[in-house]
C-alpha atoms as a PDB file:
ATOM      1  CA  UNK A   1     -23.195  22.282 -10.770  1.00  0.00           C
ATOM      2  CA  UNK A   2     -21.772  18.881 -11.067  1.00  0.00           C
ATOM      3  CA  UNK A   3     -18.141  18.310  -9.683  1.00  0.00           C
ATOM      4  CA  UNK A   4     -17.684  14.712 -11.079  1.00  0.00           C
ATOM      5  CA  UNK A   5     -14.952  15.669 -13.452  1.00  0.00           C
ATOM      6  CA  UNK A   6     -13.073  17.534 -10.963  1.00  0.00           C
ATOM      7  CA  UNK A   7     -12.993  14.936  -8.423  1.00  0.00           C
ATOM      8  CA  UNK A   8     -11.983  12.408 -11.241  1.00  0.00           C
ATOM      9  CA  UNK A   9      -9.145  14.795 -11.800  1.00  0.00           C
ATOM     10  CA  UNK A  10      -8.118  14.932  -8.125  1.00  0.00           C
ATOM     11  CA  UNK A  11      -8.070  11.257  -8.137  1.00  0.00           C
ATOM     12  CA  UNK A  12      -5.822  11.027 -10.816  1.00  0.00           C
ATOM     13  CA  UNK A  13      -3.350  13.577  -9.314  1.00  0.00           C
ATOM     14  CA  UNK A  14      -3.507  11.357  -6.046  1.00  0.00           C
ATOM     15  CA  UNK A  15      -2.451   8.487  -8.209  1.00  0.00           C
ATOM     16  CA  UNK A  16       0.715  10.089  -9.222  1.00  0.00           C
ATOM     17  CA  UNK A  17       2.184   9.674  -5.699  1.00  0.00           C
ATOM     18  CA  UNK A  18       1.211   6.395  -4.723  1.00  0.00           C
ATOM     19  CA  UNK A  19       4.707   4.999  -4.598  1.00  0.00           C
ATOM     20  CA  UNK A  20       6.083   8.092  -2.424  1.00  0.00           C
ATOM     21  CA  UNK A  21       3.182   8.815  -0.203  1.00  0.00           C
ATOM     22  CA  UNK A  22       2.801   5.421   1.306  1.00  0.00           C
ATOM     23  CA  UNK A  23       2.175   4.258   4.052  1.00  0.00           C
ATOM     24  CA  UNK A  24      -0.012   7.389   4.027  1.00  0.00           C
ATOM     25  CA  UNK A  25      -3.260   7.669   1.786  1.00  0.00           C
ATOM     26  CA  UNK A  26      -2.731   9.160  -1.363  1.00  0.00           C
ATOM     27  CA  UNK A  27      -4.967  12.318  -1.621  1.00  0.00           C
ATOM     28  CA  UNK A  28      -5.672  14.824  -4.544  1.00  0.00           C
ATOM     29  CA  UNK A  29      -7.256  18.332  -3.998  1.00  0.00           C
ATOM     30  CA  UNK A  30      -8.362  20.895  -6.543  1.00  0.00           C
ATOM     31  CA  UNK A  31      -9.667  24.708  -5.701  1.00  0.00           C
ATOM     32  CA  UNK A  32     -12.314  26.009  -7.954  1.00  0.00           C
ATOM     33  CA  UNK A  33     -13.904  29.251  -8.757  1.00  0.00           C
ATOM     34  CA  UNK A  34     -17.121  28.801 -10.740  1.00  0.00           C
ATOM     35  CA  UNK A  35     -15.835  25.802 -13.154  1.00  0.00           C
ATOM     36  CA  UNK A  36     -12.334  27.222 -13.280  1.00  0.00           C
ATOM     37  CA  UNK A  37      -9.845  25.311 -11.615  1.00  0.00           C
ATOM     38  CA  UNK A  38      -7.217  28.174  -9.696  1.00  0.00           C
ATOM     39  CA  UNK A  39      -4.768  25.366  -8.158  1.00  0.00           C
ATOM     40  CA  UNK A  40      -4.366  21.774  -7.572  1.00  0.00           C
ATOM     41  CA  UNK A  41      -2.394  19.747  -4.877  1.00  0.00           C
ATOM     42  CA  UNK A  42      -1.666  16.429  -3.916  1.00  0.00           C
ATOM     43  CA  UNK A  43       0.116  14.623  -0.808  1.00  0.00           C
ATOM     44  CA  UNK A  44       3.442  13.724  -2.625  1.00  0.00           C
ATOM     45  CA  UNK A  45       5.540  12.318   0.043  1.00  0.00           C
ATOM     46  CA  UNK A  46       5.098  10.720   3.445  1.00  0.00           C
ATOM     47  CA  UNK A  47       5.783  13.106   6.020  1.00  0.00           C
ATOM     48  CA  UNK A  48       5.428  16.261   3.813  1.00  0.00           C
ATOM     49  CA  UNK A  49       2.513  18.630   3.272  1.00  0.00           C
ATOM     50  CA  UNK A  50      -1.129  17.144   2.815  1.00  0.00           C
ATOM     51  CA  UNK A  51      -2.858  17.672  -0.688  1.00  0.00           C
ATOM     52  CA  UNK A  52      -5.268  20.406   0.831  1.00  0.00           C
ATOM     53  CA  UNK A  53      -2.277  22.579   2.194  1.00  0.00           C
ATOM     54  CA  UNK A  54      -0.482  22.414  -1.107  1.00  0.00           C
ATOM     55  CA  UNK A  55      -3.753  23.626  -2.983  1.00  0.00           C
ATOM     56  CA  UNK A  56      -4.059  26.084  -0.752  1.00  0.00           C
ATOM     57  CA  UNK A  57      -0.346  27.259  -0.864  1.00  0.00           C
ATOM     58  CA  UNK A  58      -0.651  27.372  -4.666  1.00  0.00           C
ATOM     59  CA  UNK A  59      -3.759  29.433  -4.803  1.00  0.00           C
ATOM     60  CA  UNK A  60      -2.318  32.027  -2.706  1.00  0.00           C
ATOM     61  CA  UNK A  61      -0.091  32.969  -5.434  1.00  0.00           C
ATOM     62  CA  UNK A  62      -3.323  33.888  -7.404  1.00  0.00           C
ATOM     63  CA  UNK A  63      -4.890  35.900  -4.825  1.00  0.00           C
ATOM     64  CA  UNK A  64      -5.867  39.135  -6.236  1.00  0.00           C
ATOM     65  CA  UNK A  65      -5.262  37.651  -9.993  1.00  0.00           C
ATOM     66  CA  UNK A  66      -7.690  35.154 -10.641  1.00  0.00           C
ATOM     67  CA  UNK A  67      -9.863  35.439  -7.500  1.00  0.00           C
ATOM     68  CA  UNK A  68     -10.235  38.003  -4.770  1.00  0.00           C
ATOM     69  CA  UNK A  69     -11.165  36.074  -1.747  1.00  0.00           C
ATOM     70  CA  UNK A  70     -11.034  32.328  -0.663  1.00  0.00           C
ATOM     71  CA  UNK A  71     -14.697  32.625   0.057  1.00  0.00           C
ATOM     72  CA  UNK A  72     -15.191  32.371  -3.480  1.00  0.00           C
ATOM     73  CA  UNK A  73     -13.599  29.097  -3.849  1.00  0.00           C
ATOM     74  CA  UNK A  74     -14.847  25.335  -3.623  1.00  0.00           C
ATOM     75  CA  UNK A  75     -12.221  22.852  -2.413  1.00  0.00           C
ATOM     76  CA  UNK A  76     -12.456  19.246  -4.052  1.00  0.00           C
ATOM     77  CA  UNK A  77     -10.543  16.588  -1.773  1.00  0.00           C
ATOM     78  CA  UNK A  78     -10.445  12.757  -2.357  1.00  0.00           C
ATOM     79  CA  UNK A  79     -10.211  12.232   1.344  1.00  0.00           C
ATOM     80  CA  UNK A  80     -11.666  13.721   4.536  1.00  0.00           C
ATOM     81  CA  UNK A  81      -9.344  16.677   5.685  1.00  0.00           C
ATOM     82  CA  UNK A  82      -7.629  15.487   8.919  1.00  0.00           C
ATOM     83  CA  UNK A  83      -8.258  16.964  12.019  1.00  0.00           C
ATOM     84  CA  UNK A  84      -5.045  16.043  14.074  1.00  0.00           C
ATOM     85  CA  UNK A  85      -1.526  16.908  14.200  1.00  0.00           C
ATOM     86  CA  UNK A  86       0.849  14.446  13.239  1.00  0.00           C
ATOM     87  CA  UNK A  87       4.077  15.088  10.999  1.00  0.00           C
ATOM     88  CA  UNK A  88       2.057  18.028   9.580  1.00  0.00           C
ATOM     89  CA  UNK A  89      -0.985  20.212  10.851  1.00  0.00           C
ATOM     90  CA  UNK A  90      -4.496  19.553  10.795  1.00  0.00           C
ATOM     91  CA  UNK A  91      -5.851  20.304   7.175  1.00  0.00           C
ATOM     92  CA  UNK A  92      -9.378  20.971   8.625  1.00  0.00           C
ATOM     93  CA  UNK A  93      -7.935  24.271  10.265  1.00  0.00           C
ATOM     94  CA  UNK A  94      -6.086  25.419   7.332  1.00  0.00           C
ATOM     95  CA  UNK A  95      -9.249  25.138   5.575  1.00  0.00           C
ATOM     96  CA  UNK A  96     -11.302  27.205   7.998  1.00  0.00           C
ATOM     97  CA  UNK A  97      -8.406  29.544   8.085  1.00  0.00           C
ATOM     98  CA  UNK A  98      -8.105  30.208   4.518  1.00  0.00           C
ATOM     99  CA  UNK A  99     -11.877  31.145   4.464  1.00  0.00           C
ATOM    100  CA  UNK A 100     -13.183  28.361   2.015  1.00  0.00           C
ATOM    101  CA  UNK A 101     -16.964  28.146   2.261  1.00  0.00           C
ATOM    102  CA  UNK A 102     -17.710  24.886   0.472  1.00  0.00           C
ATOM    103  CA  UNK A 103     -15.783  21.498   0.276  1.00  0.00           C
ATOM    104  CA  UNK A 104     -16.682  18.434  -1.668  1.00  0.00           C
ATOM    105  CA  UNK A 105     -15.151  15.002  -0.185  1.00  0.00           C
ATOM    106  CA  UNK A 106     -14.622  11.709  -1.764  1.00  0.00           C
ATOM    107  CA  UNK A 107     -14.687   9.690   1.340  1.00  0.00           C
ATOM    108  CA  UNK A 108     -14.740   9.813   4.804  1.00  0.00           C
ATOM    109  CA  UNK A 109     -11.261   8.636   6.454  1.00  0.00           C
ATOM    110  CA  UNK A 110     -11.342   5.553   8.348  1.00  0.00           C
ATOM    111  CA  UNK A 111      -8.373   6.468  10.417  1.00  0.00           C
ATOM    112  CA  UNK A 112     -10.010   6.518  14.251  1.00  0.00           C
ATOM    113  CA  UNK A 113      -7.985   9.884  14.668  1.00  0.00           C
ATOM    114  CA  UNK A 114     -10.141  11.354  11.602  1.00  0.00           C
ATOM    115  CA  UNK A 115     -13.236   9.526  11.502  1.00  0.00           C
ATOM    116  CA  UNK A 116     -15.636  12.048  10.559  1.00  0.00           C
ATOM    117  CA  UNK A 117     -14.124  14.715  12.854  1.00  0.00           C
ATOM    118  CA  UNK A 118     -12.571  16.699  10.035  1.00  0.00           C
ATOM    119  CA  UNK A 119     -15.980  17.046   8.437  1.00  0.00           C
ATOM    120  CA  UNK A 120     -17.635  17.927  11.545  1.00  0.00           C
ATOM    121  CA  UNK A 121     -15.107  20.606  12.323  1.00  0.00           C
ATOM    122  CA  UNK A 122     -15.796  22.084   8.854  1.00  0.00           C
ATOM    123  CA  UNK A 123     -19.459  22.112   9.224  1.00  0.00           C
ATOM    124  CA  UNK A 124     -19.103  23.528  12.992  1.00  0.00           C
ATOM    125  CA  UNK A 125     -17.437  26.521  11.194  1.00  0.00           C
ATOM    126  CA  UNK A 126     -19.932  27.171   8.944  1.00  0.00           C
ATOM    127  CA  UNK A 127     -18.555  25.373   5.826  1.00  0.00           C
ATOM    128  CA  UNK A 128     -20.914  23.549   3.584  1.00  0.00           C
ATOM    129  CA  UNK A 129     -19.616  19.945   3.088  1.00  0.00           C
ATOM    130  CA  UNK A 130     -20.655  17.319   0.731  1.00  0.00           C
ATOM    131  CA  UNK A 131     -19.410  13.758   1.329  1.00  0.00           C
ATOM    132  CA  UNK A 132     -19.588  10.516  -1.144  1.00  0.00           C
ATOM    133  CA  UNK A 133     -18.351  11.896  -4.564  1.00  0.00           C
ATOM    134  CA  UNK A 134     -16.440   8.831  -6.387  1.00  0.00           C
ATOM    135  CA  UNK A 135     -16.321   7.384  -2.980  1.00  0.00           C
ATOM    136  CA  UNK A 136     -15.682   3.556  -4.140  1.00  0.00           C
ATOM    137  CA  UNK A 137     -12.804   4.855  -6.396  1.00  0.00           C
ATOM    138  CA  UNK A 138     -11.231   6.510  -3.297  1.00  0.00           C
ATOM    139  CA  UNK A 139     -11.497   3.540  -1.375  1.00  0.00           C
ATOM    140  CA  UNK A 140     -10.152   1.282  -4.145  1.00  0.00           C
ATOM    141  CA  UNK A 141      -7.217   3.817  -4.789  1.00  0.00           C
ATOM    142  CA  UNK A 142      -6.258   3.304  -0.987  1.00  0.00           C
ATOM    143  CA  UNK A 143      -7.285  -0.243  -0.486  1.00  0.00           C
ATOM    144  CA  UNK A 144      -4.525  -0.954   1.834  1.00  0.00           C
ATOM    145  CA  UNK A 145      -5.258   2.132   4.055  1.00  0.00           C
ATOM    146  CA  UNK A 146      -8.747   1.429   4.309  1.00  0.00           C
ATOM    147  CA  UNK A 147      -8.140  -2.272   4.968  1.00  0.00           C
ATOM    148  CA  UNK A 148      -5.775  -1.276   8.029  1.00  0.00           C
ATOM    149  CA  UNK A 149      -8.279   0.658   9.729  1.00  0.00           C
ATOM    150  CA  UNK A 150     -11.291  -1.221   9.091  1.00  0.00           C
ATOM    151  CA  UNK A 151      -9.616  -4.543  10.255  1.00  0.00           C
ATOM    152  CA  UNK A 152      -7.060  -3.574  12.617  1.00  0.00           C
ATOM    153  CA  UNK A 153      -4.176  -5.125  10.821  1.00  0.00           C
ATOM    154  CA  UNK A 154      -2.276  -4.654   7.912  1.00  0.00           C
ATOM    155  CA  UNK A 155      -3.297  -6.284   4.364  1.00  0.00           C
ATOM    156  CA  UNK A 156      -1.240  -9.670   4.043  1.00  0.00           C
ATOM    157  CA  UNK A 157      -0.159 -10.632   0.742  1.00  0.00           C
ATOM    158  CA  UNK A 158       2.149 -13.888   0.008  1.00  0.00           C
ATOM    159  CA  UNK A 159       4.258 -14.093  -3.345  1.00  0.00           C
ATOM    160  CA  UNK A 160       5.837 -17.190  -4.445  1.00  0.00           C
ATOM    161  CA  UNK A 161       7.583 -18.479  -7.387  1.00  0.00           C
ATOM    162  CA  UNK A 162       6.505 -21.984  -8.445  1.00  0.00           C
ATOM    163  CA  UNK A 163       7.638 -24.602 -10.998  1.00  0.00           C
ATOM    164  CA  UNK A 164       4.860 -26.067 -12.830  1.00  0.00           C
ATOM    165  CA  UNK A 165       4.711 -29.193 -10.675  1.00  0.00           C
ATOM    166  CA  UNK A 166       4.282 -26.820  -7.578  1.00  0.00           C
ATOM    167  CA  UNK A 167       8.080 -26.876  -6.370  1.00  0.00           C
ATOM    168  CA  UNK A 168       9.833 -24.195  -4.669  1.00  0.00           C
ATOM    169  CA  UNK A 169      13.573 -25.059  -4.633  1.00  0.00           C
ATOM    170  CA  UNK A 170      15.695 -28.045  -5.044  1.00  0.00           C
ATOM    171  CA  UNK A 171      16.069 -30.464  -1.802  1.00  0.00           C
ATOM    172  CA  UNK A 172      19.711 -30.366  -2.524  1.00  0.00           C
ATOM    173  CA  UNK A 173      19.923 -26.722  -1.368  1.00  0.00           C
ATOM    174  CA  UNK A 174      21.162 -25.745  -5.079  1.00  0.00           C
ATOM    175  CA  UNK A 175      20.311 -22.210  -5.897  1.00  0.00           C
ATOM    176  CA  UNK A 176      18.339 -21.614  -9.116  1.00  0.00           C
ATOM    177  CA  UNK A 177      15.979 -19.245 -10.893  1.00  0.00           C
ATOM    178  CA  UNK A 178      12.545 -20.808 -11.276  1.00  0.00           C
ATOM    179  CA  UNK A 179      10.925 -17.849 -13.134  1.00  0.00           C
ATOM    180  CA  UNK A 180      11.839 -15.678 -16.041  1.00  0.00           C
ATOM    181  CA  UNK A 181      13.978 -12.446 -16.004  1.00  0.00           C
ATOM    182  CA  UNK A 182      10.666 -10.853 -17.034  1.00  0.00           C
ATOM    183  CA  UNK A 183       8.577 -12.405 -13.992  1.00  0.00           C
ATOM    184  CA  UNK A 184      11.427 -10.951 -11.508  1.00  0.00           C
ATOM    185  CA  UNK A 185      11.089  -7.534 -12.962  1.00  0.00           C
ATOM    186  CA  UNK A 186       7.432  -7.649 -12.510  1.00  0.00           C
ATOM    187  CA  UNK A 187       8.034  -8.687  -8.605  1.00  0.00           C
ATOM    188  CA  UNK A 188       9.964  -5.366  -8.262  1.00  0.00           C
ATOM    189  CA  UNK A 189       6.693  -3.448  -9.292  1.00  0.00           C
ATOM    190  CA  UNK A 190       4.832  -5.612  -6.858  1.00  0.00           C
ATOM    191  CA  UNK A 191       7.165  -4.808  -3.903  1.00  0.00           C
ATOM    192  CA  UNK A 192       7.031  -0.836  -4.893  1.00  0.00           C
ATOM    193  CA  UNK A 193       3.385  -1.025  -3.779  1.00  0.00           C
ATOM    194  CA  UNK A 194       4.076  -2.372  -0.430  1.00  0.00           C
ATOM    195  CA  UNK A 195       4.726  -0.940   3.156  1.00  0.00           C
ATOM    196  CA  UNK A 196       7.075  -3.573   4.056  1.00  0.00           C
ATOM    197  CA  UNK A 197       8.374  -6.857   3.231  1.00  0.00           C
ATOM    198  CA  UNK A 198       8.772  -9.797   5.486  1.00  0.00           C
ATOM    199  CA  UNK A 199      10.951 -12.772   5.062  1.00  0.00           C
ATOM    200  CA  UNK A 200      12.754 -15.601   7.322  1.00  0.00           C
ATOM    201  CA  UNK A 201      16.110 -16.435   8.582  1.00  0.00           C
ATOM    202  CA  UNK A 202      16.487 -19.345   6.152  1.00  0.00           C
ATOM    203  CA  UNK A 203      15.439 -17.455   3.056  1.00  0.00           C
ATOM    204  CA  UNK A 204      18.203 -14.447   4.284  1.00  0.00           C
ATOM    205  CA  UNK A 205      20.703 -17.114   4.914  1.00  0.00           C
ATOM    206  CA  UNK A 206      20.467 -19.441   1.981  1.00  0.00           C
ATOM    207  CA  UNK A 207      19.644 -16.815  -0.872  1.00  0.00           C
ATOM    208  CA  UNK A 208      21.348 -13.509   0.245  1.00  0.00           C
ATOM    209  CA  UNK A 209      18.290 -11.483  -1.134  1.00  0.00           C
ATOM    210  CA  UNK A 210      18.134  -7.787  -1.354  1.00  0.00           C
ATOM    211  CA  UNK A 211      14.456  -7.790  -1.317  1.00  0.00           C
ATOM    212  CA  UNK A 212      14.088  -4.001  -1.961  1.00  0.00           C
ATOM    213  CA  UNK A 213      11.863  -2.527  -5.027  1.00  0.00           C
ATOM    214  CA  UNK A 214      14.324  -2.208  -7.849  1.00  0.00           C
ATOM    215  CA  UNK A 215      12.435   0.131 -10.261  1.00  0.00           C
ATOM    216  CA  UNK A 216      13.051   2.927 -12.554  1.00  0.00           C
ATOM    217  CA  UNK A 217      10.889   5.479 -10.669  1.00  0.00           C
ATOM    218  CA  UNK A 218      10.752   7.045  -7.215  1.00  0.00           C
ATOM    219  CA  UNK A 219       9.556   4.807  -4.445  1.00  0.00           C
ATOM    220  CA  UNK A 220       9.406   5.117  -0.609  1.00  0.00           C
ATOM    221  CA  UNK A 221      11.267   1.753  -0.212  1.00  0.00           C
ATOM    222  CA  UNK A 222       9.323  -1.014   2.033  1.00  0.00           C
ATOM    223  CA  UNK A 223      10.605  -1.544   5.226  1.00  0.00           C
ATOM    224  CA  UNK A 224      12.023  -5.017   6.021  1.00  0.00           C
ATOM    225  CA  UNK A 225      10.742  -7.426   8.406  1.00  0.00           C
ATOM    226  CA  UNK A 226      12.624 -10.384   9.446  1.00  0.00           C
ATOM    227  CA  UNK A 227      11.462 -13.541  11.505  1.00  0.00           C
ATOM    228  CA  UNK A 228      14.403 -15.075  12.795  1.00  0.00           C
ATOM    229  CA  UNK A 229      15.840 -16.827  16.158  1.00  0.00           C
ATOM    230  CA  UNK A 230      19.425 -17.175  14.354  1.00  0.00           C
ATOM    231  CA  UNK A 231      22.361 -15.805  16.343  1.00  0.00           C
ATOM    232  CA  UNK A 232      24.736 -16.075  13.456  1.00  0.00           C
ATOM    233  CA  UNK A 233      22.944 -13.813  10.713  1.00  0.00           C
ATOM    234  CA  UNK A 234      25.285 -12.005   8.310  1.00  0.00           C
ATOM    235  CA  UNK A 235      24.452  -8.389   9.031  1.00  0.00           C
ATOM    236  CA  UNK A 236      26.858  -7.608   6.217  1.00  0.00           C
ATOM    237  CA  UNK A 237      24.410  -9.270   3.745  1.00  0.00           C
ATOM    238  CA  UNK A 238      22.284  -8.107   1.018  1.00  0.00           C
ATOM    239  CA  UNK A 239      19.004  -7.881   3.064  1.00  0.00           C
ATOM    240  CA  UNK A 240      20.753  -5.305   5.518  1.00  0.00           C
ATOM    241  CA  UNK A 241      22.473  -2.960   3.393  1.00  0.00           C
ATOM    242  CA  UNK A 242      21.271   0.565   3.159  1.00  0.00           C
ATOM    243  CA  UNK A 243      18.039  -0.380   5.338  1.00  0.00           C
ATOM    244  CA  UNK A 244      16.844  -1.031   8.768  1.00  0.00           C
ATOM    245  CA  UNK A 245      15.354  -4.405   9.760  1.00  0.00           C
ATOM    246  CA  UNK A 246      13.082  -5.181  12.403  1.00  0.00           C
ATOM    247  CA  UNK A 247      13.715  -8.352  13.480  1.00  0.00           C
ATOM    248  CA  UNK A 248      11.047 -10.311  15.064  1.00  0.00           C
ATOM    249  CA  UNK A 249      12.129 -13.446  17.324  1.00  0.00           C
ATOM    250  CA  UNK A 250       8.627 -14.535  18.187  1.00  0.00           C
ATOM    251  CA  UNK A 251       7.562 -17.836  16.779  1.00  0.00           C
ATOM    252  CA  UNK A 252       3.906 -17.788  17.009  1.00  0.00           C
ATOM    253  CA  UNK A 253       2.656 -16.111  13.843  1.00  0.00           C
ATOM    254  CA  UNK A 254      -0.598 -15.118  15.314  1.00  0.00           C
ATOM    255  CA  UNK A 255       1.127 -13.102  17.990  1.00  0.00           C
ATOM    256  CA  UNK A 256       3.208 -11.625  15.461  1.00  0.00           C
ATOM    257  CA  UNK A 257       0.049 -10.434  13.109  1.00  0.00           C
ATOM    258  CA  UNK A 258      -1.023  -9.006  16.501  1.00  0.00           C
ATOM    259  CA  UNK A 259       2.020  -7.001  16.913  1.00  0.00           C
ATOM    260  CA  UNK A 260       1.472  -5.580  13.324  1.00  0.00           C
ATOM    261  CA  UNK A 261      -1.889  -3.791  14.305  1.00  0.00           C
ATOM    262  CA  UNK A 262       0.368  -0.945  16.029  1.00  0.00           C
ATOM    263  CA  UNK A 263       2.723  -0.657  13.464  1.00  0.00           C
ATOM    264  CA  UNK A 264       2.565   1.925  10.518  1.00  0.00           C
ATOM    265  CA  UNK A 265       2.577  -0.838   7.880  1.00  0.00           C
ATOM    266  CA  UNK A 266      -1.032  -0.886   5.914  1.00  0.00           C
ATOM    267  CA  UNK A 267       0.587  -3.675   3.865  1.00  0.00           C
ATOM    268  CA  UNK A 268       3.028  -6.389   4.004  1.00  0.00           C
ATOM    269  CA  UNK A 269       4.322  -8.548   1.435  1.00  0.00           C
ATOM    270  CA  UNK A 270       5.503 -11.826   2.353  1.00  0.00           C
ATOM    271  CA  UNK A 271       8.576 -13.616   0.504  1.00  0.00           C
ATOM    272  CA  UNK A 272       9.754 -16.549   2.201  1.00  0.00           C
ATOM    273  CA  UNK A 273       9.928 -20.412   2.037  1.00  0.00           C
ATOM    274  CA  UNK A 274       7.227 -23.168   2.196  1.00  0.00           C
ATOM    275  CA  UNK A 275       7.487 -23.433   5.972  1.00  0.00           C
ATOM    276  CA  UNK A 276       6.900 -19.984   6.781  1.00  0.00           C
ATOM    277  CA  UNK A 277       4.363 -19.489   3.912  1.00  0.00           C
ATOM    278  CA  UNK A 278       2.203 -22.381   5.178  1.00  0.00           C
ATOM    279  CA  UNK A 279       2.557 -21.125   8.862  1.00  0.00           C
ATOM    280  CA  UNK A 280       0.797 -17.736   7.616  1.00  0.00           C
ATOM    281  CA  UNK A 281      -1.819 -19.160   5.630  1.00  0.00           C
ATOM    282  CA  UNK A 282      -2.479 -21.600   8.476  1.00  0.00           C
ATOM    283  CA  UNK A 283      -3.554 -18.583  10.636  1.00  0.00           C
ATOM    284  CA  UNK A 284      -6.295 -17.612   7.748  1.00  0.00           C
ATOM    285  CA  UNK A 285      -5.386 -14.066   7.887  1.00  0.00           C
ATOM    286  CA  UNK A 286      -3.739 -13.975   4.262  1.00  0.00           C
ATOM    287  CA  UNK A 287      -5.735 -11.546   1.988  1.00  0.00           C
ATOM    288  CA  UNK A 288      -4.028 -12.245  -1.310  1.00  0.00           C
ATOM    289  CA  UNK A 289      -1.790 -14.895  -2.930  1.00  0.00           C
ATOM    290  CA  UNK A 290       0.627 -13.808  -5.995  1.00  0.00           C
ATOM    291  CA  UNK A 291       1.972 -16.990  -7.732  1.00  0.00           C
ATOM    292  CA  UNK A 292       4.569 -16.785 -10.482  1.00  0.00           C
ATOM    293  CA  UNK A 293       4.796 -20.233 -12.303  1.00  0.00           C
ATOM    294  CA  UNK A 294       7.365 -21.303 -14.541  1.00  0.00           C
ATOM    295  CA  UNK A 295       6.778 -23.772 -17.266  1.00  0.00           C
ATOM    296  CA  UNK A 296       9.767 -25.845 -16.170  1.00  0.00           C
ATOM    297  CA  UNK A 297       9.467 -28.989 -13.746  1.00  0.00           C
ATOM    298  CA  UNK A 298      11.668 -29.610 -10.789  1.00  0.00           C
ATOM    299  CA  UNK A 299      10.820 -33.089 -10.286  1.00  0.00           C
ATOM    300  CA  UNK A 300      10.909 -35.388  -7.349  1.00  0.00           C
ATOM    301  CA  UNK A 301      14.029 -33.653  -5.961  1.00  0.00           C
ATOM    302  CA  UNK A 302      11.988 -30.269  -6.040  1.00  0.00           C
ATOM    303  CA  UNK A 303      10.233 -29.066  -2.427  1.00  0.00           C
ATOM    304  CA  UNK A 304       6.598 -28.610  -2.642  1.00  0.00           C
ATOM    305  CA  UNK A 305       5.118 -25.110  -2.012  1.00  0.00           C
ATOM    306  CA  UNK A 306       1.903 -26.992  -0.573  1.00  0.00           C
ATOM    307  CA  UNK A 307       0.808 -30.487   0.584  1.00  0.00           C
ATOM    308  CA  UNK A 308      -2.387 -31.728  -0.691  1.00  0.00           C
ATOM    309  CA  UNK A 309      -4.317 -30.780   2.584  1.00  0.00           C
ATOM    310  CA  UNK A 310      -3.657 -27.140   2.026  1.00  0.00           C
ATOM    311  CA  UNK A 311      -3.473 -26.787  -1.799  1.00  0.00           C
ATOM    312  CA  UNK A 312      -4.748 -23.300  -2.879  1.00  0.00           C
ATOM    313  CA  UNK A 313      -8.175 -24.438  -3.750  1.00  0.00           C
ATOM    314  CA  UNK A 314      -8.774 -25.642  -0.294  1.00  0.00           C
ATOM    315  CA  UNK A 315      -7.652 -22.539   1.595  1.00  0.00           C
ATOM    316  CA  UNK A 316     -10.707 -20.345   0.823  1.00  0.00           C
ATOM    317  CA  UNK A 317      -8.868 -18.239  -2.148  1.00  0.00           C
ATOM    318  CA  UNK A 318     -10.548 -17.285  -5.659  1.00  0.00           C
ATOM    319  CA  UNK A 319      -8.789 -16.693  -8.702  1.00  0.00           C
ATOM    320  CA  UNK A 320      -8.738 -13.077  -9.305  1.00  0.00           C
ATOM    321  CA  UNK A 321      -6.489 -12.658 -12.302  1.00  0.00           C
ATOM    322  CA  UNK A 322      -4.255 -14.667 -14.641  1.00  0.00           C
ATOM    323  CA  UNK A 323      -1.762 -13.281 -17.041  1.00  0.00           C
ATOM    324  CA  UNK A 324       1.168 -14.621 -19.318  1.00  0.00           C
ATOM    325  CA  UNK A 325       4.826 -13.014 -18.627  1.00  0.00           C
ATOM    326  CA  UNK A 326       7.003 -14.891 -21.277  1.00  0.00           C
ATOM    327  CA  UNK A 327       6.588 -18.472 -20.571  1.00  0.00           C
ATOM    328  CA  UNK A 328       5.426 -17.906 -16.975  1.00  0.00           C
ATOM    329  CA  UNK A 329       1.952 -17.541 -15.671  1.00  0.00           C
ATOM    330  CA  UNK A 330       1.138 -14.941 -13.186  1.00  0.00           C
ATOM    331  CA  UNK A 331      -1.937 -15.878 -10.966  1.00  0.00           C
ATOM    332  CA  UNK A 332      -3.462 -13.378  -8.340  1.00  0.00           C
ATOM    333  CA  UNK A 333      -5.967 -15.197  -5.702  1.00  0.00           C
ATOM    334  CA  UNK A 334      -7.928 -13.230  -3.160  1.00  0.00           C
ATOM    335  CA  UNK A 335      -9.685 -14.493   0.059  1.00  0.00           C
ATOM    336  CA  UNK A 336     -13.008 -15.514  -0.808  1.00  0.00           C
END
């Protein structure tokens, strides 16, 4: 029997909650009797029940109606069931207790707290397990999560808005929007994907930014990280409203990145001025660069994003995609 279409459906179910499950991975699960779907579940929100639990609990309502025993059912789940207690109990134990006898898994969980132990627990309890169906799709769906556990640090992305001549802002300090309203709306969609947003004290002081994800769907808002030694920060400013802010006074960027290893963040979006952006780029730890380029020029009074020595093409990035947003151009670069 082929389980391909059911795994693809489970992946689609998981994707519905990509903005609310983070920083956890998105996971989908389906319980089948022969080729009939008995129940479905997904990990809907961070800290709440996992996909397998939701599928099992939904199936219990059908017990004695559409099936007589859980040992008749096959569980399809996109990611290896967890085997540890965190905010919820271990899913592998719930599967064993339910009496399910066959489990089809998309990918092993890279989290060291799981990393094959959930699969081992199922097998040791007499459950037939198959692993690897649509594995690449599951890994791509949870790109940030897999990156964090495989590289021992979050996925780091820099986002900048640039004039056509590569400038960030006017030297005289006057504030102006470089890119269009539509580009700024697109930025909100980008922010919604990340676990945290990082900026510097000068950006907060000069621009009074909110730096949240202002979108028309439910989202687990990115946490805020501020790199600053300033003692005169306006704690009533937009950046601090309705959110807790992790303030870091360490100046060494490499040491700051090391601190992120122990955080819950699987991804961090860096939105800052040229000085801090280039400091991060110099560490060679930036994985993605998103550039919103305007069709307007700032001229000699504009402050350049990059010097000739560290232009994008010299930093080991390759152009991944390009699209037009009104008169602006959005380019995404990834590390070669």
